[in-house]
Amino acid sequence: MRRCAGCGKSRPKQELVRVVYTGEGLKADPASRLDGRGVYVCRNAECVENAVKRNGFARTLRRPVSKDELDSVRAQLTEIICG
C-alpha cells in the first residue's frame, strides 16, 4: 500500500504512478524501477493537480521542487494517464 500525494488515500501500488527525483529533476516512473525516493499519485488528473497545488511532491521528497520541474512532471503524468 502507498499513499497518494494528491488525495492522501492509501491504495495498492499498482493503482498509483510513481514519481522520483533524479539528478535531472522529477521524472515519472510508471514501472517503479528507478532508484531514489519516490512519490505516488493516483492515475487521475485531479490527484496530479492536487499534488501540485498542495505541494505534495516537495513535502514527500523532502526537497524544494521548482515550477519547471512541476510543469514537466505534470506533462509526463498526463501522458501516462491519458495514454
N, C-alpha and C. Protein backbone atom coordinates (compact mmCIF):
# COMPACT_ATOMS: atom_id res chain seq x y z
N MET A 1 0.84 -1.18 0.00
CA MET A 1 0.00 0.00 0.00
C MET A 1 0.89 1.25 0.00
N ARG A 2 0.47 2.23 -0.78
CA ARG A 2 1.17 3.51 -0.85
C ARG A 2 0.13 4.62 -0.73
N ARG A 3 0.58 5.79 -0.32
CA ARG A 3 -0.33 6.93 -0.13
C ARG A 3 -0.15 7.92 -1.27
N CYS A 4 -1.26 8.36 -1.83
CA CYS A 4 -1.28 9.34 -2.92
C CYS A 4 -0.93 10.73 -2.36
N ALA A 5 -0.03 11.42 -3.05
CA ALA A 5 0.36 12.78 -2.64
C ALA A 5 -0.72 13.80 -2.97
N GLY A 6 -1.70 13.41 -3.77
CA GLY A 6 -2.78 14.33 -4.15
C GLY A 6 -3.98 14.25 -3.24
N CYS A 7 -4.51 13.03 -3.07
CA CYS A 7 -5.74 12.89 -2.27
C CYS A 7 -5.47 12.34 -0.86
N GLY A 8 -4.31 11.75 -0.64
CA GLY A 8 -3.96 11.23 0.67
C GLY A 8 -4.49 9.85 0.98
N LYS A 9 -5.17 9.22 0.02
CA LYS A 9 -5.71 7.88 0.25
C LYS A 9 -4.64 6.81 0.01
N SER A 10 -4.69 5.78 0.82
CA SER A 10 -3.77 4.64 0.64
C SER A 10 -4.39 3.68 -0.36
N ARG A 11 -3.58 3.28 -1.33
CA ARG A 11 -4.03 2.37 -2.38
C ARG A 11 -2.94 1.37 -2.69
N PRO A 12 -3.30 0.27 -3.33
CA PRO A 12 -2.26 -0.68 -3.76
C PRO A 12 -1.31 0.01 -4.75
N LYS A 13 -0.06 -0.37 -4.70
CA LYS A 13 0.98 0.24 -5.52
C LYS A 13 0.62 0.22 -7.01
N GLN A 14 -0.05 -0.82 -7.47
CA GLN A 14 -0.39 -0.97 -8.88
C GLN A 14 -1.39 0.08 -9.37
N GLU A 15 -2.13 0.70 -8.47
CA GLU A 15 -3.12 1.70 -8.84
C GLU A 15 -2.55 3.11 -8.90
N LEU A 16 -1.27 3.27 -8.57
CA LEU A 16 -0.64 4.57 -8.49
C LEU A 16 0.51 4.67 -9.49
N VAL A 17 0.91 5.91 -9.79
CA VAL A 17 2.09 6.17 -10.62
C VAL A 17 3.16 6.75 -9.71
N ARG A 18 4.37 6.25 -9.85
CA ARG A 18 5.49 6.72 -9.04
C ARG A 18 6.20 7.86 -9.75
N VAL A 19 6.60 8.86 -8.98
CA VAL A 19 7.43 9.96 -9.46
C VAL A 19 8.67 9.97 -8.60
N VAL A 20 9.85 10.05 -9.23
CA VAL A 20 11.10 10.00 -8.49
C VAL A 20 11.96 11.21 -8.85
N TYR A 21 12.77 11.66 -7.89
CA TYR A 21 13.71 12.74 -8.17
C TYR A 21 15.01 12.13 -8.62
N THR A 22 15.46 12.52 -9.80
CA THR A 22 16.78 12.12 -10.30
C THR A 22 17.65 13.37 -10.32
N GLY A 23 18.89 13.24 -10.67
CA GLY A 23 19.77 14.40 -10.77
C GLY A 23 19.29 15.40 -11.81
N GLU A 24 18.44 14.96 -12.71
CA GLU A 24 17.92 15.81 -13.79
C GLU A 24 16.56 16.41 -13.43
N GLY A 25 16.05 16.16 -12.25
CA GLY A 25 14.75 16.67 -11.85
C GLY A 25 13.76 15.55 -11.59
N LEU A 26 12.47 15.92 -11.56
CA LEU A 26 11.42 14.93 -11.33
C LEU A 26 11.16 14.14 -12.61
N LYS A 27 10.90 12.86 -12.43
CA LYS A 27 10.63 12.01 -13.58
C LYS A 27 9.56 10.99 -13.20
N ALA A 28 8.56 10.84 -14.07
CA ALA A 28 7.54 9.82 -13.85
C ALA A 28 8.20 8.46 -14.04
N ASP A 29 7.86 7.51 -13.17
CA ASP A 29 8.45 6.18 -13.19
C ASP A 29 7.33 5.14 -13.11
N PRO A 30 6.57 4.96 -14.19
CA PRO A 30 5.42 4.05 -14.13
C PRO A 30 5.81 2.60 -13.86
N ALA A 31 7.03 2.20 -14.20
CA ALA A 31 7.47 0.83 -13.96
C ALA A 31 8.07 0.65 -12.56
N SER A 32 8.24 1.74 -11.82
CA SER A 32 8.82 1.72 -10.47
C SER A 32 10.18 1.05 -10.43
N ARG A 33 11.02 1.41 -11.37
CA ARG A 33 12.34 0.79 -11.46
C ARG A 33 13.50 1.74 -11.15
N LEU A 34 13.25 3.03 -11.13
CA LEU A 34 14.33 3.99 -10.89
C LEU A 34 14.70 4.03 -9.42
N ASP A 35 15.99 4.30 -9.16
CA ASP A 35 16.47 4.45 -7.79
C ASP A 35 16.06 5.80 -7.24
N GLY A 36 15.93 5.88 -5.94
CA GLY A 36 15.67 7.15 -5.30
C GLY A 36 14.34 7.18 -4.57
N ARG A 37 14.16 8.27 -3.86
CA ARG A 37 12.93 8.47 -3.10
C ARG A 37 11.79 8.76 -4.05
N GLY A 38 10.68 8.12 -3.85
CA GLY A 38 9.55 8.26 -4.75
C GLY A 38 8.33 8.87 -4.11
N VAL A 39 7.49 9.43 -4.95
CA VAL A 39 6.19 9.98 -4.57
C VAL A 39 5.17 9.25 -5.43
N TYR A 40 4.04 8.94 -4.86
CA TYR A 40 3.00 8.23 -5.61
C TYR A 40 1.77 9.10 -5.75
N VAL A 41 1.14 9.04 -6.94
CA VAL A 41 -0.12 9.74 -7.18
C VAL A 41 -1.07 8.79 -7.89
N CYS A 42 -2.36 8.98 -7.64
CA CYS A 42 -3.38 8.18 -8.31
C CYS A 42 -3.32 8.42 -9.82
N ARG A 43 -3.86 7.51 -10.55
CA ARG A 43 -3.85 7.62 -12.02
C ARG A 43 -5.04 8.45 -12.50
N ASN A 44 -5.17 9.66 -11.97
CA ASN A 44 -6.18 10.58 -12.48
C ASN A 44 -5.66 12.01 -12.38
N ALA A 45 -6.14 12.85 -13.28
CA ALA A 45 -5.65 14.22 -13.39
C ALA A 45 -5.94 15.05 -12.13
N GLU A 46 -7.06 14.78 -11.47
CA GLU A 46 -7.42 15.53 -10.27
C GLU A 46 -6.37 15.37 -9.17
N CYS A 47 -5.91 14.15 -8.96
CA CYS A 47 -4.90 13.91 -7.92
C CYS A 47 -3.56 14.54 -8.30
N VAL A 48 -3.21 14.51 -9.58
CA VAL A 48 -1.97 15.15 -10.03
C VAL A 48 -2.04 16.65 -9.73
N GLU A 49 -3.15 17.29 -10.07
CA GLU A 49 -3.31 18.72 -9.81
C GLU A 49 -3.29 19.03 -8.32
N ASN A 50 -3.94 18.19 -7.52
CA ASN A 50 -3.94 18.39 -6.07
C ASN A 50 -2.53 18.27 -5.50
N ALA A 51 -1.76 17.32 -5.99
CA ALA A 51 -0.38 17.15 -5.52
C ALA A 51 0.46 18.38 -5.86
N VAL A 52 0.24 18.95 -7.03
CA VAL A 52 0.97 20.16 -7.42
C VAL A 52 0.53 21.34 -6.55
N LYS A 53 -0.77 21.56 -6.41
CA LYS A 53 -1.30 22.69 -5.65
C LYS A 53 -0.94 22.62 -4.17
N ARG A 54 -1.00 21.41 -3.59
CA ARG A 54 -0.78 21.25 -2.16
C ARG A 54 0.67 20.95 -1.81
N ASN A 55 1.55 21.11 -2.79
CA ASN A 55 2.99 20.93 -2.57
C ASN A 55 3.34 19.50 -2.13
N GLY A 56 2.56 18.53 -2.60
CA GLY A 56 2.76 17.14 -2.21
C GLY A 56 4.07 16.54 -2.66
N PHE A 57 4.57 16.94 -3.82
CA PHE A 57 5.83 16.39 -4.32
C PHE A 57 6.99 16.85 -3.45
N ALA A 58 7.06 18.16 -3.17
CA ALA A 58 8.15 18.69 -2.35
C ALA A 58 8.09 18.14 -0.93
N ARG A 59 6.91 18.05 -0.37
CA ARG A 59 6.76 17.57 1.00
C ARG A 59 7.23 16.12 1.13
N THR A 60 6.79 15.27 0.21
CA THR A 60 7.15 13.86 0.30
C THR A 60 8.62 13.62 -0.03
N LEU A 61 9.14 14.36 -1.01
CA LEU A 61 10.55 14.20 -1.38
C LEU A 61 11.50 14.89 -0.42
N ARG A 62 10.94 15.75 0.44
CA ARG A 62 11.74 16.49 1.42
C ARG A 62 12.81 17.35 0.75
N ARG A 63 12.38 18.02 -0.34
CA ARG A 63 13.28 18.93 -1.05
C ARG A 63 12.42 19.92 -1.83
N PRO A 64 12.96 21.11 -2.10
CA PRO A 64 12.19 22.07 -2.90
C PRO A 64 12.03 21.57 -4.34
N VAL A 65 10.90 21.88 -4.92
CA VAL A 65 10.61 21.49 -6.30
C VAL A 65 10.26 22.75 -7.07
N SER A 66 10.98 23.00 -8.18
CA SER A 66 10.76 24.22 -8.95
C SER A 66 9.49 24.11 -9.80
N LYS A 67 9.03 25.26 -10.26
CA LYS A 67 7.84 25.30 -11.12
C LYS A 67 8.11 24.55 -12.43
N ASP A 68 9.32 24.67 -12.97
CA ASP A 68 9.66 23.96 -14.21
C ASP A 68 9.59 22.45 -14.01
N GLU A 69 10.09 21.98 -12.86
CA GLU A 69 10.02 20.54 -12.56
C GLU A 69 8.57 20.09 -12.44
N LEU A 70 7.74 20.89 -11.78
CA LEU A 70 6.33 20.54 -11.64
C LEU A 70 5.62 20.51 -12.99
N ASP A 71 5.91 21.49 -13.85
CA ASP A 71 5.30 21.50 -15.18
C ASP A 71 5.73 20.28 -15.99
N SER A 72 6.98 19.92 -15.89
CA SER A 72 7.49 18.77 -16.63
C SER A 72 6.85 17.46 -16.16
N VAL A 73 6.79 17.26 -14.85
CA VAL A 73 6.22 16.01 -14.34
C VAL A 73 4.71 15.98 -14.56
N ARG A 74 4.05 17.13 -14.52
CA ARG A 74 2.62 17.19 -14.81
C ARG A 74 2.36 16.70 -16.25
N ALA A 75 3.18 17.15 -17.19
CA ALA A 75 3.03 16.73 -18.59
C ALA A 75 3.29 15.23 -18.74
N GLN A 76 4.33 14.73 -18.05
CA GLN A 76 4.63 13.29 -18.12
C GLN A 76 3.48 12.46 -17.57
N LEU A 77 2.94 12.88 -16.44
CA LEU A 77 1.85 12.12 -15.82
C LEU A 77 0.58 12.19 -16.64
N THR A 78 0.31 13.33 -17.24
CA THR A 78 -0.87 13.46 -18.10
C THR A 78 -0.78 12.50 -19.28
N GLU A 79 0.40 12.39 -19.86
CA GLU A 79 0.60 11.46 -20.97
C GLU A 79 0.40 10.02 -20.53
N ILE A 80 0.89 9.67 -19.36
CA ILE A 80 0.74 8.30 -18.84
C ILE A 80 -0.73 8.00 -18.56
N ILE A 81 -1.42 8.94 -17.93
CA ILE A 81 -2.81 8.74 -17.52
C ILE A 81 -3.74 8.69 -18.72
N CYS A 82 -3.55 9.64 -19.64
CA CYS A 82 -4.46 9.75 -20.79
C CYS A 82 -4.05 8.87 -21.96
N GLY A 83 -2.85 8.38 -21.93
CA GLY A 83 -2.39 7.48 -23.00
C GLY A 83 -1.74 8.17 -24.06
